[in-house]
Amino acid sequence: MKNKTPQFRYIEWKTPDEMHFSSLQWHSELGFIQDEHRFFEDMLGEYTMPIIESHLFSRIKELIERLTDSKEKLQDLQQQVNDHSNRLQRLVENVDEPKEGRQYRQEHKKILQAVNEYSKEYKQLKKEIFAAVSQALKQQKQKRLLT
């Protein structure tokens, strides 16, 4: 059974300060994920030999491709969050635009859903990367013990 995407009805009541704080949280979370991407690239490069010896190369290759796709999605999402934050500043300066405020809140809701979905997918990818590298290292350790 697939989980439904949560409905965020409270966004209509958020103040510009609260939306700004949400944007700052998104920046922080996405920046951390960007750092983790570099860590995973380094880790996969570091453990190339155990991966090849454990015959998990095709699995790791697929994970590397997913990591690359994740990096591209991250860049797009970071750009959306940056543009969204910049629009908030213009929105605050032009308070007399109720229609634009509703559109901004709808955009805020969409970005919130996108960040949550991306975060969920990324956490799953992390688990799979750690499991695969862990398996490769265990197999290498077992081979060393047998010899």
N, C-alpha and C. Protein backbone atom coordinates (compact mmCIF):
# COMPACT_ATOMS: atom_id res chain seq x y z
N MET A 1 0.84 -1.18 0.00
CA MET A 1 0.00 0.00 0.00
C MET A 1 0.88 1.24 0.00
N LYS A 2 0.63 2.14 -0.89
CA LYS A 2 1.45 3.32 -1.04
C LYS A 2 0.92 4.44 -0.14
N ASN A 3 1.85 5.15 0.49
CA ASN A 3 1.45 6.26 1.35
C ASN A 3 0.98 7.43 0.51
N LYS A 4 -0.03 8.11 1.01
CA LYS A 4 -0.51 9.30 0.34
C LYS A 4 0.41 10.46 0.69
N THR A 5 0.50 11.42 -0.23
CA THR A 5 1.27 12.61 0.09
C THR A 5 0.45 13.44 1.06
N PRO A 6 1.08 13.97 2.08
CA PRO A 6 0.34 14.72 3.09
C PRO A 6 -0.24 16.01 2.50
N GLN A 7 -1.37 16.40 3.03
CA GLN A 7 -1.99 17.65 2.64
C GLN A 7 -1.58 18.72 3.65
N PHE A 8 -1.06 19.81 3.17
CA PHE A 8 -0.58 20.89 4.02
C PHE A 8 -1.56 22.06 3.93
N ARG A 9 -2.63 21.99 4.70
CA ARG A 9 -3.65 23.03 4.63
C ARG A 9 -3.24 24.28 5.42
N TYR A 10 -2.37 24.12 6.37
CA TYR A 10 -2.02 25.24 7.23
C TYR A 10 -1.17 26.30 6.53
N ILE A 11 -0.70 26.02 5.35
CA ILE A 11 0.17 26.97 4.65
C ILE A 11 -0.57 28.27 4.37
N GLU A 12 -1.88 28.20 4.16
CA GLU A 12 -2.65 29.41 3.90
C GLU A 12 -2.56 30.39 5.06
N TRP A 13 -2.26 29.89 6.26
CA TRP A 13 -2.21 30.74 7.44
C TRP A 13 -0.81 31.18 7.80
N LYS A 14 0.17 30.71 7.09
CA LYS A 14 1.55 31.07 7.43
C LYS A 14 1.83 32.53 7.11
N THR A 15 2.60 33.14 7.99
CA THR A 15 3.04 34.51 7.76
C THR A 15 4.27 34.48 6.87
N PRO A 16 4.62 35.62 6.29
CA PRO A 16 5.85 35.66 5.48
C PRO A 16 7.09 35.26 6.29
N ASP A 17 7.13 35.62 7.58
CA ASP A 17 8.28 35.23 8.41
C ASP A 17 8.37 33.71 8.55
N GLU A 18 7.22 33.07 8.72
CA GLU A 18 7.21 31.61 8.86
C GLU A 18 7.62 30.95 7.55
N MET A 19 7.15 31.49 6.44
CA MET A 19 7.54 30.92 5.15
C MET A 19 9.03 31.14 4.89
N HIS A 20 9.54 32.29 5.33
CA HIS A 20 10.97 32.56 5.20
C HIS A 20 11.77 31.55 6.02
N PHE A 21 11.30 31.27 7.23
CA PHE A 21 11.98 30.29 8.08
C PHE A 21 11.96 28.91 7.42
N SER A 22 10.83 28.54 6.81
CA SER A 22 10.74 27.26 6.10
C SER A 22 11.76 27.22 4.97
N SER A 23 11.88 28.31 4.24
CA SER A 23 12.84 28.38 3.14
C SER A 23 14.28 28.21 3.65
N LEU A 24 14.57 28.83 4.79
CA LEU A 24 15.90 28.68 5.38
C LEU A 24 16.16 27.23 5.78
N GLN A 25 15.14 26.56 6.30
CA GLN A 25 15.30 25.15 6.65
C GLN A 25 15.56 24.31 5.40
N TRP A 26 14.85 24.61 4.33
CA TRP A 26 15.06 23.88 3.08
C TRP A 26 16.48 24.08 2.58
N HIS A 27 16.95 25.34 2.63
CA HIS A 27 18.33 25.63 2.21
C HIS A 27 19.32 24.78 3.01
N SER A 28 19.11 24.74 4.31
CA SER A 28 20.01 24.00 5.20
C SER A 28 19.97 22.51 4.89
N GLU A 29 18.78 21.94 4.77
CA GLU A 29 18.65 20.51 4.51
C GLU A 29 19.25 20.14 3.16
N LEU A 30 18.97 20.93 2.14
CA LEU A 30 19.49 20.64 0.80
C LEU A 30 21.00 20.81 0.74
N GLY A 31 21.52 21.79 1.48
CA GLY A 31 22.97 21.97 1.55
C GLY A 31 23.65 20.78 2.21
N PHE A 32 23.02 20.25 3.26
CA PHE A 32 23.56 19.07 3.94
C PHE A 32 23.55 17.86 3.00
N ILE A 33 22.47 17.70 2.26
CA ILE A 33 22.39 16.59 1.31
C ILE A 33 23.47 16.73 0.24
N GLN A 34 23.75 17.95 -0.17
CA GLN A 34 24.80 18.19 -1.16
C GLN A 34 26.15 17.73 -0.61
N ASP A 35 26.41 18.02 0.66
CA ASP A 35 27.64 17.55 1.29
C ASP A 35 27.67 16.02 1.37
N GLU A 36 26.53 15.42 1.67
CA GLU A 36 26.47 13.97 1.72
C GLU A 36 26.73 13.34 0.36
N HIS A 37 26.28 14.00 -0.70
CA HIS A 37 26.56 13.48 -2.04
C HIS A 37 28.07 13.36 -2.26
N ARG A 38 28.81 14.38 -1.86
CA ARG A 38 30.27 14.33 -2.00
C ARG A 38 30.86 13.19 -1.16
N PHE A 39 30.32 13.02 0.04
CA PHE A 39 30.80 11.94 0.91
C PHE A 39 30.57 10.58 0.23
N PHE A 40 29.39 10.37 -0.32
CA PHE A 40 29.10 9.08 -0.95
C PHE A 40 29.97 8.85 -2.18
N GLU A 41 30.21 9.89 -2.95
CA GLU A 41 31.10 9.74 -4.10
C GLU A 41 32.50 9.33 -3.64
N ASP A 42 33.00 9.99 -2.61
CA ASP A 42 34.32 9.64 -2.07
C ASP A 42 34.34 8.22 -1.51
N MET A 43 33.28 7.86 -0.79
CA MET A 43 33.21 6.53 -0.18
C MET A 43 33.20 5.45 -1.26
N LEU A 44 32.40 5.65 -2.29
CA LEU A 44 32.33 4.65 -3.36
C LEU A 44 33.66 4.56 -4.11
N GLY A 45 34.35 5.68 -4.25
CA GLY A 45 35.68 5.67 -4.87
C GLY A 45 36.70 4.97 -4.00
N GLU A 46 36.60 5.19 -2.70
CA GLU A 46 37.54 4.61 -1.74
C GLU A 46 37.43 3.08 -1.69
N TYR A 47 36.23 2.58 -1.79
CA TYR A 47 36.00 1.14 -1.65
C TYR A 47 35.78 0.46 -3.00
N THR A 48 36.42 0.93 -4.02
CA THR A 48 36.26 0.34 -5.35
C THR A 48 36.73 -1.11 -5.39
N MET A 49 37.88 -1.38 -4.84
CA MET A 49 38.40 -2.76 -4.89
C MET A 49 37.51 -3.75 -4.15
N PRO A 50 37.08 -3.47 -2.91
CA PRO A 50 36.17 -4.43 -2.27
C PRO A 50 34.87 -4.62 -3.05
N ILE A 51 34.39 -3.57 -3.68
CA ILE A 51 33.16 -3.67 -4.46
C ILE A 51 33.36 -4.58 -5.66
N ILE A 52 34.49 -4.41 -6.37
CA ILE A 52 34.77 -5.23 -7.54
C ILE A 52 34.97 -6.68 -7.13
N GLU A 53 35.71 -6.90 -6.04
CA GLU A 53 35.98 -8.26 -5.57
C GLU A 53 34.73 -8.98 -5.08
N SER A 54 33.75 -8.22 -4.61
CA SER A 54 32.54 -8.85 -4.07
C SER A 54 31.48 -9.08 -5.13
N HIS A 55 31.79 -8.77 -6.37
CA HIS A 55 30.87 -8.96 -7.50
C HIS A 55 29.59 -8.15 -7.33
N LEU A 56 29.69 -7.00 -6.71
CA LEU A 56 28.54 -6.10 -6.55
C LEU A 56 28.65 -4.90 -7.48
N PHE A 57 29.52 -5.01 -8.46
CA PHE A 57 29.78 -3.86 -9.31
C PHE A 57 28.53 -3.37 -10.03
N SER A 58 27.71 -4.28 -10.55
CA SER A 58 26.52 -3.84 -11.28
C SER A 58 25.53 -3.15 -10.34
N ARG A 59 25.43 -3.65 -9.11
CA ARG A 59 24.54 -3.03 -8.12
C ARG A 59 25.05 -1.63 -7.76
N ILE A 60 26.34 -1.51 -7.54
CA ILE A 60 26.93 -0.22 -7.19
C ILE A 60 26.82 0.75 -8.36
N LYS A 61 27.00 0.24 -9.57
CA LYS A 61 26.89 1.09 -10.75
C LYS A 61 25.48 1.70 -10.82
N GLU A 62 24.47 0.90 -10.55
CA GLU A 62 23.09 1.40 -10.54
C GLU A 62 22.90 2.45 -9.44
N LEU A 63 23.50 2.22 -8.27
CA LEU A 63 23.40 3.18 -7.18
C LEU A 63 24.11 4.49 -7.52
N ILE A 64 25.24 4.38 -8.23
CA ILE A 64 25.96 5.59 -8.65
C ILE A 64 25.12 6.39 -9.63
N GLU A 65 24.45 5.70 -10.54
CA GLU A 65 23.56 6.39 -11.49
C GLU A 65 22.43 7.09 -10.76
N ARG A 66 21.85 6.41 -9.76
CA ARG A 66 20.78 7.03 -8.97
C ARG A 66 21.31 8.21 -8.17
N LEU A 67 22.54 8.11 -7.69
CA LEU A 67 23.15 9.22 -6.96
C LEU A 67 23.35 10.42 -7.88
N THR A 68 23.76 10.16 -9.12
CA THR A 68 23.93 11.23 -10.10
C THR A 68 22.59 11.90 -10.40
N ASP A 69 21.55 11.09 -10.58
CA ASP A 69 20.21 11.64 -10.80
C ASP A 69 19.76 12.46 -9.59
N SER A 70 20.08 11.97 -8.42
CA SER A 70 19.71 12.68 -7.20
C SER A 70 20.40 14.04 -7.13
N LYS A 71 21.68 14.08 -7.55
CA LYS A 71 22.41 15.35 -7.57
C LYS A 71 21.75 16.35 -8.51
N GLU A 72 21.30 15.88 -9.67
CA GLU A 72 20.64 16.77 -10.63
C GLU A 72 19.32 17.28 -10.07
N LYS A 73 18.55 16.40 -9.45
CA LYS A 73 17.29 16.82 -8.83
C LYS A 73 17.55 17.82 -7.72
N LEU A 74 18.62 17.58 -6.97
CA LEU A 74 18.98 18.49 -5.88
C LEU A 74 19.27 19.88 -6.40
N GLN A 75 20.03 19.97 -7.48
CA GLN A 75 20.34 21.28 -8.05
C GLN A 75 19.07 22.00 -8.50
N ASP A 76 18.15 21.27 -9.13
CA ASP A 76 16.89 21.87 -9.56
C ASP A 76 16.08 22.35 -8.35
N LEU A 77 16.04 21.53 -7.32
CA LEU A 77 15.28 21.88 -6.13
C LEU A 77 15.91 23.08 -5.42
N GLN A 78 17.23 23.11 -5.36
CA GLN A 78 17.90 24.27 -4.74
C GLN A 78 17.59 25.54 -5.52
N GLN A 79 17.55 25.47 -6.83
CA GLN A 79 17.22 26.64 -7.64
C GLN A 79 15.78 27.09 -7.38
N GLN A 80 14.87 26.13 -7.28
CA GLN A 80 13.48 26.47 -6.99
C GLN A 80 13.36 27.17 -5.63
N VAL A 81 14.06 26.64 -4.64
CA VAL A 81 14.01 27.24 -3.30
C VAL A 81 14.62 28.64 -3.32
N ASN A 82 15.73 28.82 -4.04
CA ASN A 82 16.33 30.15 -4.14
C ASN A 82 15.38 31.14 -4.81
N ASP A 83 14.79 30.73 -5.92
CA ASP A 83 13.84 31.61 -6.61
C ASP A 83 12.65 31.92 -5.72
N HIS A 84 12.18 30.93 -5.01
CA HIS A 84 11.04 31.09 -4.11
C HIS A 84 11.37 32.09 -3.00
N SER A 85 12.55 31.98 -2.43
CA SER A 85 12.97 32.90 -1.37
C SER A 85 13.08 34.33 -1.90
N ASN A 86 13.61 34.47 -3.11
CA ASN A 86 13.73 35.81 -3.71
C ASN A 86 12.36 36.42 -3.96
N ARG A 87 11.41 35.59 -4.38
CA ARG A 87 10.05 36.08 -4.61
C ARG A 87 9.40 36.54 -3.31
N LEU A 88 9.73 35.89 -2.21
CA LEU A 88 9.16 36.28 -0.92
C LEU A 88 9.56 37.70 -0.58
N GLN A 89 10.78 38.05 -0.84
CA GLN A 89 11.24 39.42 -0.56
C GLN A 89 10.43 40.43 -1.37
N ARG A 90 10.23 40.13 -2.64
CA ARG A 90 9.43 41.04 -3.48
C ARG A 90 7.98 41.07 -3.01
N LEU A 91 7.46 39.95 -2.56
CA LEU A 91 6.09 39.87 -2.08
C LEU A 91 5.91 40.71 -0.82
N VAL A 92 6.86 40.65 0.08
CA VAL A 92 6.79 41.43 1.32
C VAL A 92 6.84 42.93 1.01
N GLU A 93 7.64 43.30 0.02
CA GLU A 93 7.74 44.71 -0.35
C GLU A 93 6.45 45.23 -0.99
N ASN A 94 5.72 44.36 -1.71
CA ASN A 94 4.46 44.73 -2.36
C ASN A 94 3.30 44.04 -1.64
N VAL A 95 2.98 44.50 -0.44
CA VAL A 95 1.98 43.86 0.40
C VAL A 95 0.58 43.93 -0.20
N ASP A 96 0.32 44.86 -1.09
CA ASP A 96 -1.02 45.10 -1.62
C ASP A 96 -1.42 44.13 -2.73
N GLU A 97 -0.75 43.01 -2.87
CA GLU A 97 -1.02 42.05 -3.94
C GLU A 97 -1.58 40.75 -3.37
N PRO A 98 -2.88 40.69 -3.02
CA PRO A 98 -3.44 39.46 -2.42
C PRO A 98 -3.42 38.27 -3.38
N LYS A 99 -3.61 38.52 -4.68
CA LYS A 99 -3.60 37.43 -5.65
C LYS A 99 -2.21 36.80 -5.72
N GLU A 100 -1.19 37.63 -5.73
CA GLU A 100 0.18 37.13 -5.78
C GLU A 100 0.52 36.36 -4.49
N GLY A 101 -0.03 36.82 -3.37
CA GLY A 101 0.19 36.12 -2.10
C GLY A 101 -0.39 34.72 -2.12
N ARG A 102 -1.57 34.54 -2.71
CA ARG A 102 -2.17 33.21 -2.82
C ARG A 102 -1.33 32.32 -3.73
N GLN A 103 -0.87 32.89 -4.85
CA GLN A 103 -0.03 32.11 -5.76
C GLN A 103 1.27 31.70 -5.08
N TYR A 104 1.82 32.62 -4.30
CA TYR A 104 3.07 32.32 -3.60
C TYR A 104 2.86 31.18 -2.61
N ARG A 105 1.75 31.20 -1.89
CA ARG A 105 1.46 30.15 -0.92
C ARG A 105 1.26 28.80 -1.62
N GLN A 106 0.62 28.82 -2.78
CA GLN A 106 0.46 27.58 -3.54
C GLN A 106 1.83 27.05 -3.99
N GLU A 107 2.68 27.95 -4.42
CA GLU A 107 4.04 27.56 -4.82
C GLU A 107 4.80 27.01 -3.61
N HIS A 108 4.63 27.66 -2.46
CA HIS A 108 5.28 27.23 -1.22
C HIS A 108 4.86 25.80 -0.88
N LYS A 109 3.59 25.53 -1.04
CA LYS A 109 3.04 24.21 -0.76
C LYS A 109 3.64 23.17 -1.70
N LYS A 110 3.75 23.50 -2.99
CA LYS A 110 4.33 22.58 -3.96
C LYS A 110 5.79 22.29 -3.66
N ILE A 111 6.52 23.32 -3.31
CA ILE A 111 7.95 23.13 -3.00
C ILE A 111 8.10 22.31 -1.72
N LEU A 112 7.25 22.56 -0.74
CA LEU A 112 7.29 21.77 0.49
C LEU A 112 7.07 20.29 0.18
N GLN A 113 6.10 19.99 -0.65
CA GLN A 113 5.85 18.61 -1.04
C GLN A 113 7.03 18.03 -1.81
N ALA A 114 7.61 18.83 -2.71
CA ALA A 114 8.75 18.36 -3.50
C ALA A 114 9.97 18.07 -2.60
N VAL A 115 10.23 18.95 -1.64
CA VAL A 115 11.36 18.75 -0.73
C VAL A 115 11.13 17.51 0.12
N ASN A 116 9.92 17.33 0.61
CA ASN A 116 9.62 16.15 1.42
C ASN A 116 9.76 14.86 0.61
N GLU A 117 9.27 14.87 -0.60
CA GLU A 117 9.36 13.69 -1.47
C GLU A 117 10.82 13.38 -1.81
N TYR A 118 11.58 14.42 -2.14
CA TYR A 118 13.00 14.24 -2.47
C TYR A 118 13.75 13.68 -1.25
N SER A 119 13.47 14.23 -0.10
CA SER A 119 14.13 13.78 1.12
C SER A 119 13.83 12.31 1.39
N LYS A 120 12.61 11.91 1.18
CA LYS A 120 12.22 10.51 1.39
C LYS A 120 12.96 9.59 0.41
N GLU A 121 13.01 9.97 -0.86
CA GLU A 121 13.72 9.16 -1.86
C GLU A 121 15.22 9.10 -1.55
N TYR A 122 15.77 10.22 -1.12
CA TYR A 122 17.20 10.29 -0.84
C TYR A 122 17.57 9.40 0.35
N LYS A 123 16.73 9.39 1.37
CA LYS A 123 17.00 8.54 2.54
C LYS A 123 17.02 7.07 2.14
N GLN A 124 16.13 6.69 1.24
CA GLN A 124 16.11 5.31 0.76
C GLN A 124 17.39 4.99 -0.01
N LEU A 125 17.83 5.93 -0.84
CA LEU A 125 19.08 5.74 -1.59
C LEU A 125 20.27 5.59 -0.64
N LYS A 126 20.32 6.41 0.40
CA LYS A 126 21.39 6.31 1.39
C LYS A 126 21.43 4.93 2.03
N LYS A 127 20.27 4.42 2.41
CA LYS A 127 20.21 3.10 3.03
C LYS A 127 20.77 2.04 2.09
N GLU A 128 20.39 2.14 0.82
CA GLU A 128 20.84 1.15 -0.15
C GLU A 128 22.35 1.24 -0.39
N ILE A 129 22.88 2.45 -0.44
CA ILE A 129 24.33 2.62 -0.63
C ILE A 129 25.08 2.03 0.55
N PHE A 130 24.66 2.37 1.77
CA PHE A 130 25.34 1.84 2.95
C PHE A 130 25.25 0.31 3.01
N ALA A 131 24.09 -0.22 2.65
CA ALA A 131 23.92 -1.68 2.68
C ALA A 131 24.85 -2.36 1.67
N ALA A 132 24.95 -1.81 0.47
CA ALA A 132 25.79 -2.41 -0.56
C ALA A 132 27.27 -2.34 -0.19
N VAL A 133 27.72 -1.19 0.28
CA VAL A 133 29.13 -1.04 0.65
C VAL A 133 29.44 -1.92 1.86
N SER A 134 28.52 -1.98 2.79
CA SER A 134 28.68 -2.83 3.96
C SER A 134 28.82 -4.30 3.55
N GLN A 135 27.99 -4.72 2.64
CA GLN A 135 28.05 -6.10 2.14
C GLN A 135 29.38 -6.37 1.46
N ALA A 136 29.85 -5.43 0.66
CA ALA A 136 31.15 -5.60 -0.02
C ALA A 136 32.28 -5.71 0.99
N LEU A 137 32.26 -4.88 2.02
CA LEU A 137 33.32 -4.93 3.03
C LEU A 137 33.27 -6.22 3.85
N LYS A 138 32.08 -6.70 4.14
CA LYS A 138 31.95 -7.97 4.87
C LYS A 138 32.50 -9.12 4.05
N GLN A 139 32.18 -9.13 2.76
CA GLN A 139 32.69 -10.20 1.91
C GLN A 139 34.20 -10.14 1.81
N GLN A 140 34.77 -8.94 1.75
CA GLN A 140 36.22 -8.82 1.68
C GLN A 140 36.85 -9.32 2.98
N LYS A 141 36.23 -9.00 4.09
CA LYS A 141 36.76 -9.44 5.38
C LYS A 141 36.70 -10.97 5.49
N GLN A 142 35.62 -11.57 5.02
CA GLN A 142 35.50 -13.02 5.05
C GLN A 142 36.58 -13.67 4.18
N LYS A 143 36.86 -13.10 3.02
CA LYS A 143 37.90 -13.65 2.15
C LYS A 143 39.26 -13.59 2.84
N ARG A 144 39.54 -12.49 3.53
CA ARG A 144 40.82 -12.35 4.20
C ARG A 144 40.95 -13.37 5.34
N LEU A 145 39.84 -13.63 6.03
CA LEU A 145 39.88 -14.60 7.13
C LEU A 145 40.10 -16.03 6.63
N LEU A 146 39.59 -16.31 5.43
CA LEU A 146 39.72 -17.65 4.86
C LEU A 146 41.12 -17.90 4.30
N THR A 147 41.83 -16.87 3.98
CA THR A 147 43.17 -17.05 3.39
C THR A 147 44.26 -16.96 4.41
